[in-house]
Amino acid sequence: MRWLLFHHHTATAEPRPSASVHWQLWTVAFGFFMQTLDTTIVNTALPSMAKSLNENPLHMHSVIVSYVLTVAMMLPASGWLADRFGVKKVFFSAILLFSLGSLLCARSTTLHELEMARVIQGIGGAMMVPVGRLTVMKIVPRSQYMAAMAFVTMPGQVGPLLGPALGGFLVQYASWHWIFLINLPVGLIGAVITWLLMPNYRMPTRGFDLLGFVLLAMGMATLTLALGGRRSLDLDAIYIALLSIIGIASLFGYWRHAKHNENALFNLRLFNTKTFSIGLLGSLLGRIGSGMLPFMTPLFLQLGIGFTPFHAGLMMIPMVIGSMGTKRMIVRIVNRFGYRNVLTGSTLALAVVNLLFPLVALLGWTYAIPVVLFFQGVVNAMRFTTMNTLTLKDLPDTLASGGNSLLSMVMQLSMSLGVTTAGILLGLFVGTHAPSTIGNMHGVFIGTYLCMALVIALPALVFAKVPPDSSQNASLTQNENDE
């Protein structure tokens, strides 16, 4: 593969990627944006959907659950499919399925039709992001992987922040159907570019590990339901505990199945690569902390400070700007300070920023809130890109797709676990403060944010074990190289 020609860093500048490679990266970025936007934009439209479909709004949680469960169950197979059929064909199919699902969602006239359309969307969404990340590994030299991932993930970071506001706007001034129809032009452009310009890299594959897939799919589905069950399905504690036990047992069963099995869906030789093991554990713990922030920020601004929903939504814009503004800096910073220092430093910095946010708000320094949220976006984006690159950068080509899919599974579970953890912390402090007034709510949020700071800082202990860097990262353009 082409990156092998560039695997070793030299003092000379990396070649500038061709125009077709830039278009391929834009295609992956579009895919990331479509998938992440869809996960948040639907929430705002649920009441309007319920009214249009003559359903009780309290029964509309199945629209969310059907998508999330499908993604969770299909993720384990994404790497094998990409190796077997090629990244071009799988990514193209993922865009088409996601776009087809979006069209069917918009044309649905009953809740059952909408649920089935969301399943089709979920199959496409499950393949889009992990295969997109794998595609980037194939089309750029490994030394440029960090810069390329910083480029393609920026739209994906904007999606969740833009989703609620855009969803509300479309529902208010058009109809709920448009939250799905806006995917069609983006999907059409992405599919055409993918088919015309993207090379179809493949890897030799063994037979499909059906037992391993069933175990992993069952584990992902039950744990996802358990983590989100209290919030989206109002499940009793006994059912959540039962789902958790089944999920953990399924994952343990997969570990026993894969232990001495070369044909396993995820080969355990992945963990022989030290940076992958450290990066995967750090990503799991790190995303639990990061997953709490999008849940807590608008909640605190509305319940703790008294902002309107629209005003709270506007406060997320500085975070978007901060995330996008780091794109061109990440490679230089990591080359200057190294993976270990950047990851430990950004993790501790995020914990500090997490404490500054409620502090400036409660002191009444309203104009400082956007500044703090801007730096939260900067630190978060830097940490996400560096974590992803560290985890995958040293994997052998034969294990890259499996490692990439496993990282996607960990990301899916840890973000859900982050929201669940934030909800548990809030519940604990609500129980001790009996918040009948804004003043009591301040106590609830102060206690919650203090605990969140500890959870966010914890992965620094893992990242402190990152080995010294063996090579430099290159920028996507010649004139941006550090050396």
Protein backbone atom coordinates (compact mmCIF):
# COMPACT_ATOMS: atom_id res chain seq x y z
CA MET A 1 0.00 0.00 0.00
CA ARG A 2 1.02 3.51 -0.74
CA TRP A 3 1.75 4.61 2.84
CA LEU A 4 4.53 2.00 3.11
CA LEU A 5 6.61 4.17 0.79
CA PHE A 6 6.46 6.94 3.38
CA HIS A 7 6.53 4.97 6.61
CA HIS A 8 9.89 6.30 7.86
CA HIS A 9 10.12 9.98 8.58
CA THR A 10 12.91 11.85 6.86
CA ALA A 11 14.18 15.41 7.12
CA THR A 12 12.65 16.26 3.77
CA ALA A 13 9.07 17.43 3.56
CA GLU A 14 6.29 14.97 2.85
CA PRO A 15 4.78 15.24 -0.61
CA ARG A 16 1.60 17.28 -0.81
CA PRO A 17 -1.42 14.97 -1.23
CA SER A 18 -2.96 15.00 -4.69
CA ALA A 19 -6.25 16.74 -5.43
CA SER A 20 -8.02 13.35 -5.51
CA VAL A 21 -6.76 12.54 -1.99
CA HIS A 22 -8.09 15.88 -0.73
CA TRP A 23 -11.48 15.05 -2.24
CA GLN A 24 -11.36 11.61 -0.63
CA LEU A 25 -10.66 13.22 2.76
CA TRP A 26 -13.56 15.62 2.21
CA THR A 27 -15.80 12.63 1.45
CA VAL A 28 -14.86 10.95 4.73
CA ALA A 29 -15.43 14.27 6.53
CA PHE A 30 -18.92 14.52 4.99
CA GLY A 31 -19.65 11.00 6.19
CA PHE A 32 -18.52 11.83 9.73
CA PHE A 33 -20.71 14.95 9.71
CA MET A 34 -23.81 13.11 8.46
CA GLN A 35 -23.50 10.36 11.06
CA THR A 36 -22.75 12.56 14.10
CA LEU A 37 -25.34 15.20 13.17
CA ASP A 38 -28.03 12.53 12.93
CA THR A 39 -27.37 11.25 16.45
CA THR A 40 -28.46 14.59 17.98
CA ILE A 41 -30.74 16.32 15.46
CA VAL A 42 -33.57 13.77 15.87
CA ASN A 43 -34.06 14.45 19.60
CA THR A 44 -35.44 17.93 19.00
CA ALA A 45 -38.01 16.70 16.48
CA LEU A 46 -39.54 13.83 18.48
CA PRO A 47 -42.63 15.76 19.69
CA SER A 48 -43.39 16.93 16.13
CA MET A 49 -42.90 13.40 14.80
CA ALA A 50 -45.28 12.03 17.43
CA LYS A 51 -47.97 14.54 16.48
CA SER A 52 -47.56 13.84 12.75
CA LEU A 53 -47.69 10.05 13.22
CA ASN A 54 -50.55 10.18 15.77
CA GLU A 55 -48.38 8.62 18.47
CA ASN A 56 -47.87 9.34 22.15
CA PRO A 57 -44.62 11.40 22.49
CA LEU A 58 -43.62 9.10 25.36
CA HIS A 59 -43.50 6.16 22.91
CA MET A 60 -41.08 7.86 20.51
CA HIS A 61 -37.94 6.68 22.30
CA SER A 62 -37.92 3.67 19.95
CA VAL A 63 -36.88 6.03 17.12
CA ILE A 64 -33.62 6.70 18.98
CA VAL A 65 -33.13 3.20 20.35
CA SER A 66 -33.60 1.43 16.98
CA TYR A 67 -30.78 3.52 15.47
CA VAL A 68 -28.38 3.29 18.42
CA LEU A 69 -28.88 -0.47 18.83
CA THR A 70 -28.31 -1.13 15.12
CA VAL A 71 -25.08 0.87 15.19
CA ALA A 72 -23.91 -1.00 18.31
CA MET A 73 -24.64 -4.42 16.77
CA MET A 74 -23.11 -3.72 13.36
CA LEU A 75 -19.89 -2.06 14.51
CA PRO A 76 -18.00 -5.33 15.16
CA ALA A 77 -18.43 -6.42 11.51
CA SER A 78 -17.28 -3.15 9.90
CA GLY A 79 -13.56 -3.98 9.83
CA TRP A 80 -14.02 -7.46 8.36
CA LEU A 81 -16.35 -6.09 5.67
CA ALA A 82 -13.82 -3.39 4.71
CA ASP A 83 -11.03 -5.97 4.42
CA ARG A 84 -13.19 -8.42 2.48
CA PHE A 85 -14.86 -6.09 -0.02
CA GLY A 86 -12.58 -3.03 0.07
CA VAL A 87 -12.92 0.36 1.76
CA LYS A 88 -14.34 2.03 -1.37
CA LYS A 89 -17.23 -0.42 -1.81
CA VAL A 90 -18.09 -0.53 1.89
CA PHE A 91 -17.90 3.24 2.40
CA PHE A 92 -19.94 3.79 -0.78
CA SER A 93 -22.53 1.26 0.44
CA ALA A 94 -22.59 2.89 3.88
CA ILE A 95 -23.36 6.32 2.38
CA LEU A 96 -26.07 4.85 0.13
CA LEU A 97 -27.69 2.92 3.00
CA PHE A 98 -27.59 5.95 5.28
CA SER A 99 -29.09 8.16 2.55
CA LEU A 100 -31.73 5.54 1.67
CA GLY A 101 -32.62 5.22 5.35
CA SER A 102 -32.92 9.03 5.58
CA LEU A 103 -35.28 9.12 2.59
CA LEU A 104 -37.41 6.31 4.05
CA CYS A 105 -37.52 8.11 7.41
CA ALA A 106 -38.85 11.24 5.71
CA ARG A 107 -41.50 9.20 3.85
CA SER A 108 -42.63 7.22 6.91
CA THR A 109 -46.31 7.44 7.79
CA THR A 110 -46.31 5.16 10.84
CA LEU A 111 -44.00 4.66 13.82
CA HIS A 112 -43.22 1.10 12.68
CA GLU A 113 -42.10 2.35 9.24
CA LEU A 114 -39.93 4.99 10.90
CA GLU A 115 -38.29 2.39 13.16
CA MET A 116 -37.47 0.15 10.17
CA ALA A 117 -36.03 3.13 8.27
CA ARG A 118 -33.88 3.99 11.29
CA VAL A 119 -32.49 0.43 11.28
CA ILE A 120 -31.39 0.90 7.65
CA GLN A 121 -29.86 4.24 8.62
CA GLY A 122 -28.09 2.55 11.54
CA ILE A 123 -26.47 -0.08 9.31
CA GLY A 124 -25.01 2.68 7.15
CA GLY A 125 -24.01 4.76 10.16
CA ALA A 126 -22.27 1.82 11.84
CA MET A 127 -19.97 1.38 8.82
CA MET A 128 -19.52 5.03 7.90
CA VAL A 129 -17.30 6.33 10.71
CA PRO A 130 -15.01 3.31 11.39
CA VAL A 131 -14.56 2.55 7.68
CA GLY A 132 -14.00 6.25 7.06
CA ARG A 133 -11.25 6.26 9.67
CA LEU A 134 -9.76 3.12 8.11
CA THR A 135 -9.94 4.75 4.67
CA VAL A 136 -7.83 7.64 5.92
CA MET A 137 -5.20 5.13 7.07
CA LYS A 138 -5.12 3.71 3.55
CA ILE A 139 -4.99 6.90 1.46
CA VAL A 140 -2.36 8.94 3.32
CA PRO A 141 1.12 8.03 4.59
CA ARG A 142 1.13 7.00 8.25
CA SER A 143 3.18 10.10 9.11
CA GLN A 144 0.31 12.28 7.82
CA TYR A 145 -2.40 10.26 9.57
CA MET A 146 -2.75 12.66 12.52
CA ALA A 147 -3.12 15.71 10.26
CA ALA A 148 -5.62 13.87 8.04
CA MET A 149 -7.70 12.71 11.02
CA ALA A 150 -7.71 16.24 12.46
CA PHE A 151 -9.08 17.40 9.10
CA VAL A 152 -11.84 14.80 8.64
CA THR A 153 -13.06 14.74 12.25
CA MET A 154 -13.67 18.49 12.59
CA PRO A 155 -17.10 18.34 10.84
CA GLY A 156 -17.93 15.34 13.01
CA GLN A 157 -17.27 17.38 16.15
CA VAL A 158 -19.49 20.18 14.86
CA GLY A 159 -22.42 17.81 14.16
CA PRO A 160 -23.47 17.07 17.77
CA LEU A 161 -23.22 20.75 18.74
CA LEU A 162 -25.14 21.95 15.68
CA GLY A 163 -27.76 19.18 15.80
CA PRO A 164 -30.18 20.47 18.49
CA ALA A 165 -30.26 24.04 17.13
CA LEU A 166 -30.61 22.95 13.49
CA GLY A 167 -33.27 20.39 14.39
CA GLY A 168 -35.28 22.99 16.26
CA PHE A 169 -35.00 25.46 13.37
CA LEU A 170 -36.12 22.93 10.74
CA VAL A 171 -39.02 21.69 12.84
CA GLN A 172 -40.19 25.22 13.63
CA TYR A 173 -39.88 26.73 10.14
CA ALA A 174 -40.30 23.69 7.84
CA SER A 175 -41.26 20.20 9.09
CA TRP A 176 -39.62 17.27 10.87
CA HIS A 177 -39.15 15.52 7.50
CA TRP A 178 -36.34 17.94 6.61
CA ILE A 179 -34.06 16.71 9.40
CA PHE A 180 -33.71 13.57 7.24
CA LEU A 181 -33.99 15.12 3.79
CA ILE A 182 -30.92 17.35 4.37
CA ASN A 183 -28.80 14.17 4.34
CA LEU A 184 -29.69 13.41 0.71
CA PRO A 185 -27.65 16.06 -1.20
CA VAL A 186 -24.64 15.51 1.07
CA GLY A 187 -24.95 11.73 0.64
CA LEU A 188 -25.29 12.00 -3.14
CA ILE A 189 -22.15 14.14 -3.46
CA GLY A 190 -20.24 11.84 -1.11
CA ALA A 191 -21.32 8.68 -2.96
CA VAL A 192 -20.30 10.07 -6.38
CA ILE A 193 -16.88 11.24 -5.14
CA THR A 194 -16.32 7.92 -3.35
CA TRP A 195 -17.08 5.86 -6.46
CA LEU A 196 -15.04 8.04 -8.83
CA LEU A 197 -11.96 8.86 -6.75
CA MET A 198 -11.50 6.47 -3.84
CA PRO A 199 -9.20 3.46 -4.31
CA ASN A 200 -10.65 0.12 -3.18
CA TYR A 201 -7.98 -1.08 -0.75
CA ARG A 202 -8.53 -4.62 0.49
CA MET A 203 -6.72 -7.04 2.79
CA PRO A 204 -6.65 -10.86 2.77
CA THR A 205 -9.43 -12.18 5.03
CA ARG A 206 -10.33 -15.47 6.65
CA GLY A 207 -13.88 -16.76 6.99
CA PHE A 208 -16.31 -14.58 8.91
CA ASP A 209 -16.22 -15.28 12.65
CA LEU A 210 -19.97 -15.72 13.15
CA LEU A 211 -19.79 -16.87 16.79
CA GLY A 212 -17.51 -13.96 17.68
CA PHE A 213 -19.83 -11.53 15.90
CA VAL A 214 -22.89 -12.84 17.77
CA LEU A 215 -21.11 -12.58 21.12
CA LEU A 216 -19.87 -9.05 20.43
CA ALA A 217 -23.17 -7.86 18.94
CA MET A 218 -25.05 -9.23 21.96
CA GLY A 219 -22.58 -7.60 24.34
CA MET A 220 -22.74 -4.23 22.56
CA ALA A 221 -26.54 -4.27 22.30
CA THR A 222 -27.23 -5.23 25.92
CA LEU A 223 -24.62 -2.85 27.37
CA THR A 224 -25.89 0.02 25.19
CA LEU A 225 -29.44 -0.67 26.38
CA ALA A 226 -28.27 -0.90 29.99
CA LEU A 227 -26.31 2.36 29.80
CA GLY A 228 -29.14 4.30 28.17
CA GLY A 229 -32.08 2.33 29.52
CA ARG A 230 -32.91 4.52 32.49
CA ARG A 231 -32.88 7.67 30.35
CA SER A 232 -34.48 6.54 27.08
CA LEU A 233 -36.56 3.48 28.02
CA ASP A 234 -37.31 4.12 31.72
CA LEU A 235 -36.20 0.60 32.57
CA ASP A 236 -36.31 -0.65 36.15
CA ALA A 237 -33.03 -1.23 37.98
CA ILE A 238 -33.48 -5.02 37.86
CA TYR A 239 -33.66 -5.01 34.05
CA ILE A 240 -30.66 -2.70 33.76
CA ALA A 241 -28.67 -5.02 36.04
CA LEU A 242 -29.76 -8.08 34.02
CA LEU A 243 -28.76 -6.42 30.72
CA SER A 244 -25.40 -5.44 32.20
CA ILE A 245 -24.71 -9.00 33.37
CA ILE A 246 -25.61 -10.42 29.93
CA GLY A 247 -23.41 -7.82 28.21
CA ILE A 248 -20.38 -8.43 30.42
CA ALA A 249 -20.84 -12.22 30.13
CA SER A 250 -21.00 -11.93 26.32
CA LEU A 251 -17.78 -9.89 26.17
CA PHE A 252 -16.06 -12.35 28.52
CA GLY A 253 -17.31 -15.18 26.30
CA TYR A 254 -15.78 -13.45 23.27
CA TRP A 255 -12.46 -13.10 25.07
CA ARG A 256 -12.44 -16.85 25.78
CA HIS A 257 -13.46 -17.52 22.17
CA ALA A 258 -10.72 -15.29 20.70
CA LYS A 259 -7.93 -16.20 23.10
CA HIS A 260 -6.32 -18.87 20.89
CA ASN A 261 -8.29 -18.30 17.71
CA GLU A 262 -6.47 -16.78 14.73
CA ASN A 263 -9.78 -16.46 12.86
CA ALA A 264 -11.38 -14.31 15.56
CA LEU A 265 -13.09 -11.10 14.47
CA PHE A 266 -10.68 -9.11 16.66
CA ASN A 267 -7.35 -10.85 16.98
CA LEU A 268 -5.97 -10.56 20.51
CA ARG A 269 -2.53 -9.96 18.97
CA LEU A 270 -3.75 -6.35 18.72
CA PHE A 271 -2.75 -5.94 22.34
CA ASN A 272 0.87 -6.85 21.57
CA THR A 273 1.15 -3.30 20.20
CA LYS A 274 1.80 -1.22 23.32
CA THR A 275 0.48 2.07 21.93
CA PHE A 276 -2.78 0.36 20.94
CA SER A 277 -3.31 -1.11 24.42
CA ILE A 278 -2.57 2.19 26.16
CA GLY A 279 -4.54 4.23 23.63
CA LEU A 280 -7.60 1.94 23.86
CA LEU A 281 -7.70 2.06 27.67
CA GLY A 282 -7.06 5.80 27.64
CA SER A 283 -9.80 6.30 25.04
CA LEU A 284 -12.27 4.31 27.15
CA LEU A 285 -11.58 6.34 30.30
CA GLY A 286 -11.05 9.62 28.46
CA ARG A 287 -14.34 9.49 26.60
CA ILE A 288 -16.28 8.76 29.76
CA GLY A 289 -15.12 12.16 31.02
CA SER A 290 -15.64 13.91 27.70
CA GLY A 291 -19.05 12.27 27.28
CA MET A 292 -20.29 14.02 30.42
CA LEU A 293 -19.61 17.52 29.11
CA PRO A 294 -22.18 17.85 26.26
CA PHE A 295 -24.82 16.49 28.65
CA MET A 296 -23.92 18.71 31.61
CA THR A 297 -23.13 22.03 29.88
CA PRO A 298 -26.61 22.97 28.58
CA LEU A 299 -28.20 21.47 31.72
CA PHE A 300 -26.11 23.65 34.03
CA LEU A 301 -26.62 26.80 31.94
CA GLN A 302 -30.41 26.36 32.05
CA LEU A 303 -31.05 24.92 35.53
CA GLY A 304 -28.10 26.40 37.38
CA ILE A 305 -27.79 29.83 35.77
CA GLY A 306 -31.26 30.36 34.30
CA PHE A 307 -30.40 30.67 30.61
CA THR A 308 -33.10 30.01 28.03
CA PRO A 309 -32.61 26.91 25.82
CA PHE A 310 -31.76 29.15 22.86
CA HIS A 311 -29.20 31.14 24.88
CA ALA A 312 -27.67 27.91 26.20
CA GLY A 313 -27.44 26.64 22.61
CA LEU A 314 -25.61 29.80 21.53
CA MET A 315 -23.03 29.18 24.25
CA MET A 316 -21.98 26.01 22.42
CA ILE A 317 -20.74 28.04 19.41
CA PRO A 318 -17.42 29.05 21.07
CA MET A 319 -16.79 25.34 21.71
CA VAL A 320 -17.24 24.63 17.99
CA ILE A 321 -14.87 27.47 17.06
CA GLY A 322 -12.29 26.20 19.55
CA SER A 323 -12.51 22.66 18.16
CA MET A 324 -12.12 23.79 14.55
CA GLY A 325 -9.36 26.24 15.41
CA THR A 326 -7.04 23.51 16.68
CA LYS A 327 -7.03 21.60 13.37
CA ARG A 328 -3.87 23.21 12.02
CA MET A 329 -2.03 23.22 15.36
CA ILE A 330 -2.30 19.63 16.56
CA VAL A 331 0.49 18.16 14.43
CA ARG A 332 2.97 20.86 15.44
CA ILE A 333 2.09 20.58 19.13
CA VAL A 334 2.46 16.78 19.18
CA ASN A 335 5.76 16.97 17.26
CA ARG A 336 7.03 19.57 19.72
CA PHE A 337 5.95 17.95 23.00
CA GLY A 338 5.28 14.29 22.14
CA TYR A 339 2.20 12.10 22.54
CA ARG A 340 2.75 11.43 26.24
CA ASN A 341 3.04 15.09 27.26
CA VAL A 342 0.21 16.26 25.01
CA LEU A 343 -2.21 13.60 26.25
CA THR A 344 -1.41 13.97 29.95
CA GLY A 345 -1.31 17.78 29.68
CA SER A 346 -4.56 18.10 27.72
CA THR A 347 -6.32 15.62 30.06
CA LEU A 348 -5.36 17.61 33.17
CA ALA A 349 -6.13 20.89 31.37
CA LEU A 350 -9.62 19.61 30.54
CA ALA A 351 -10.19 18.80 34.21
CA VAL A 352 -9.17 22.38 35.15
CA VAL A 353 -11.36 23.93 32.42
CA ASN A 354 -14.24 21.74 33.64
CA LEU A 355 -13.92 23.39 37.08
CA LEU A 356 -13.46 26.91 35.70
CA PHE A 357 -16.74 26.70 33.79
CA PRO A 358 -19.14 26.55 36.81
CA LEU A 359 -16.82 28.86 38.79
CA VAL A 360 -16.99 31.81 36.35
CA ALA A 361 -20.72 31.21 35.81
CA LEU A 362 -21.58 31.20 39.53
CA LEU A 363 -19.42 34.29 40.11
CA GLY A 364 -21.57 36.09 37.55
CA TRP A 365 -18.77 36.53 35.01
CA THR A 366 -21.13 35.83 32.13
CA TYR A 367 -18.79 37.19 29.47
CA ALA A 368 -16.06 34.76 30.56
CA ILE A 369 -18.28 31.71 29.89
CA PRO A 370 -17.71 31.73 26.08
CA VAL A 371 -13.95 32.06 26.67
CA VAL A 372 -13.89 29.03 28.97
CA LEU A 373 -16.03 27.01 26.53
CA PHE A 374 -13.72 28.02 23.68
CA PHE A 375 -10.74 26.54 25.54
CA GLN A 376 -12.80 23.47 26.40
CA GLY A 377 -13.32 22.95 22.64
CA VAL A 378 -9.60 23.44 21.97
CA VAL A 379 -8.44 20.95 24.60
CA ASN A 380 -11.12 18.38 23.77
CA ALA A 381 -10.36 18.40 20.03
CA MET A 382 -6.64 18.09 20.66
CA ARG A 383 -7.14 15.18 23.02
CA PHE A 384 -9.58 13.31 20.74
CA THR A 385 -7.34 13.51 17.67
CA THR A 386 -4.20 12.58 19.60
CA MET A 387 -5.92 9.63 21.33
CA ASN A 388 -7.24 8.23 18.05
CA THR A 389 -3.90 8.57 16.27
CA LEU A 390 -1.88 7.05 19.14
CA THR A 391 -4.21 4.04 19.29
CA LEU A 392 -3.98 3.13 15.59
CA LYS A 393 -0.69 4.54 14.30
CA ASP A 394 1.59 1.58 15.08
CA LEU A 395 -0.73 -1.31 14.18
CA PRO A 396 0.45 -3.65 11.40
CA ASP A 397 -1.60 -3.42 8.21
CA THR A 398 -3.12 -6.87 8.76
CA LEU A 399 -4.56 -5.80 12.15
CA ALA A 400 -5.47 -2.20 11.32
CA SER A 401 -9.12 -2.80 10.42
CA GLY A 402 -9.80 -4.94 13.50
CA GLY A 403 -8.14 -2.41 15.79
CA ASN A 404 -10.09 0.40 14.17
CA SER A 405 -13.43 -1.39 14.69
CA LEU A 406 -12.56 -2.21 18.29
CA LEU A 407 -11.73 1.46 18.92
CA SER A 408 -15.12 2.41 17.45
CA MET A 409 -16.87 -0.01 19.81
CA VAL A 410 -15.03 1.43 22.81
CA MET A 411 -15.96 4.96 21.71
CA GLN A 412 -19.63 3.99 21.38
CA LEU A 413 -19.79 2.45 24.86
CA SER A 414 -17.68 5.04 26.68
CA MET A 415 -19.67 8.04 25.45
CA SER A 416 -22.88 6.34 26.67
CA LEU A 417 -21.16 5.53 29.94
CA GLY A 418 -20.18 9.20 30.28
CA VAL A 419 -23.79 10.39 30.10
CA THR A 420 -24.85 7.64 32.50
CA THR A 421 -22.11 8.59 34.97
CA ALA A 422 -23.11 12.27 34.82
CA GLY A 423 -26.75 11.30 35.47
CA ILE A 424 -25.74 9.14 38.47
CA LEU A 425 -23.63 11.97 39.96
CA LEU A 426 -26.47 14.46 39.51
CA GLY A 427 -28.89 12.03 41.15
CA LEU A 428 -26.59 11.54 44.13
CA PHE A 429 -26.23 15.26 44.81
CA VAL A 430 -29.90 16.00 44.16
CA GLY A 431 -30.68 13.49 46.89
CA THR A 432 -28.44 15.29 49.39
CA HIS A 433 -29.44 18.89 48.54
CA ALA A 434 -33.23 18.66 47.95
CA PRO A 435 -33.00 21.36 45.23
CA SER A 436 -36.15 23.43 45.50
CA THR A 437 -34.33 26.68 44.71
CA ILE A 438 -31.64 27.89 42.33
CA GLY A 439 -29.30 28.23 45.31
CA ASN A 440 -29.67 24.56 46.17
CA MET A 441 -29.16 23.67 42.51
CA HIS A 442 -25.81 25.47 42.69
CA GLY A 443 -24.73 23.04 45.38
CA VAL A 444 -25.84 20.10 43.25
CA PHE A 445 -23.82 21.28 40.26
CA ILE A 446 -20.72 22.21 42.29
CA GLY A 447 -20.56 18.70 43.78
CA THR A 448 -21.19 17.11 40.36
CA TYR A 449 -18.49 19.16 38.62
CA LEU A 450 -15.93 18.40 41.35
CA CYS A 451 -16.51 14.66 40.86
CA MET A 452 -16.43 15.11 37.07
CA ALA A 453 -12.99 16.75 37.36
CA LEU A 454 -11.65 13.62 39.07
CA VAL A 455 -13.15 11.34 36.40
CA ILE A 456 -11.73 13.53 33.60
CA ALA A 457 -8.25 13.64 35.18
CA LEU A 458 -8.04 9.87 35.78
CA PRO A 459 -6.84 8.90 32.23
CA ALA A 460 -3.70 11.00 32.78
CA LEU A 461 -2.35 8.04 34.79
CA VAL A 462 -2.78 5.83 31.71
CA PHE A 463 -1.32 8.34 29.26
CA ALA A 464 1.76 8.76 31.49
CA LYS A 465 2.76 5.25 30.32
CA VAL A 466 2.85 6.19 26.61
CA PRO A 467 6.30 5.26 25.22
CA PRO A 468 8.58 7.93 23.72
CA ASP A 469 7.76 8.89 20.12
CA SER A 470 9.73 7.00 17.47
CA SER A 471 8.77 9.21 14.51
CA GLN A 472 7.44 12.64 13.64
CA ASN A 473 4.00 13.43 12.24
CA ALA A 474 3.76 15.29 8.94
CA SER A 475 1.27 17.92 7.88
CA LEU A 476 -0.96 17.53 4.85
CA THR A 477 0.75 20.43 3.07
CA GLN A 478 4.41 20.90 2.43
CA ASN A 479 4.76 24.34 3.93
CA GLU A 480 3.26 23.30 7.28
CA ASN A 481 5.97 20.79 8.21
CA ASP A 482 7.80 21.48 11.40
CA GLU A 483 11.10 20.38 9.99
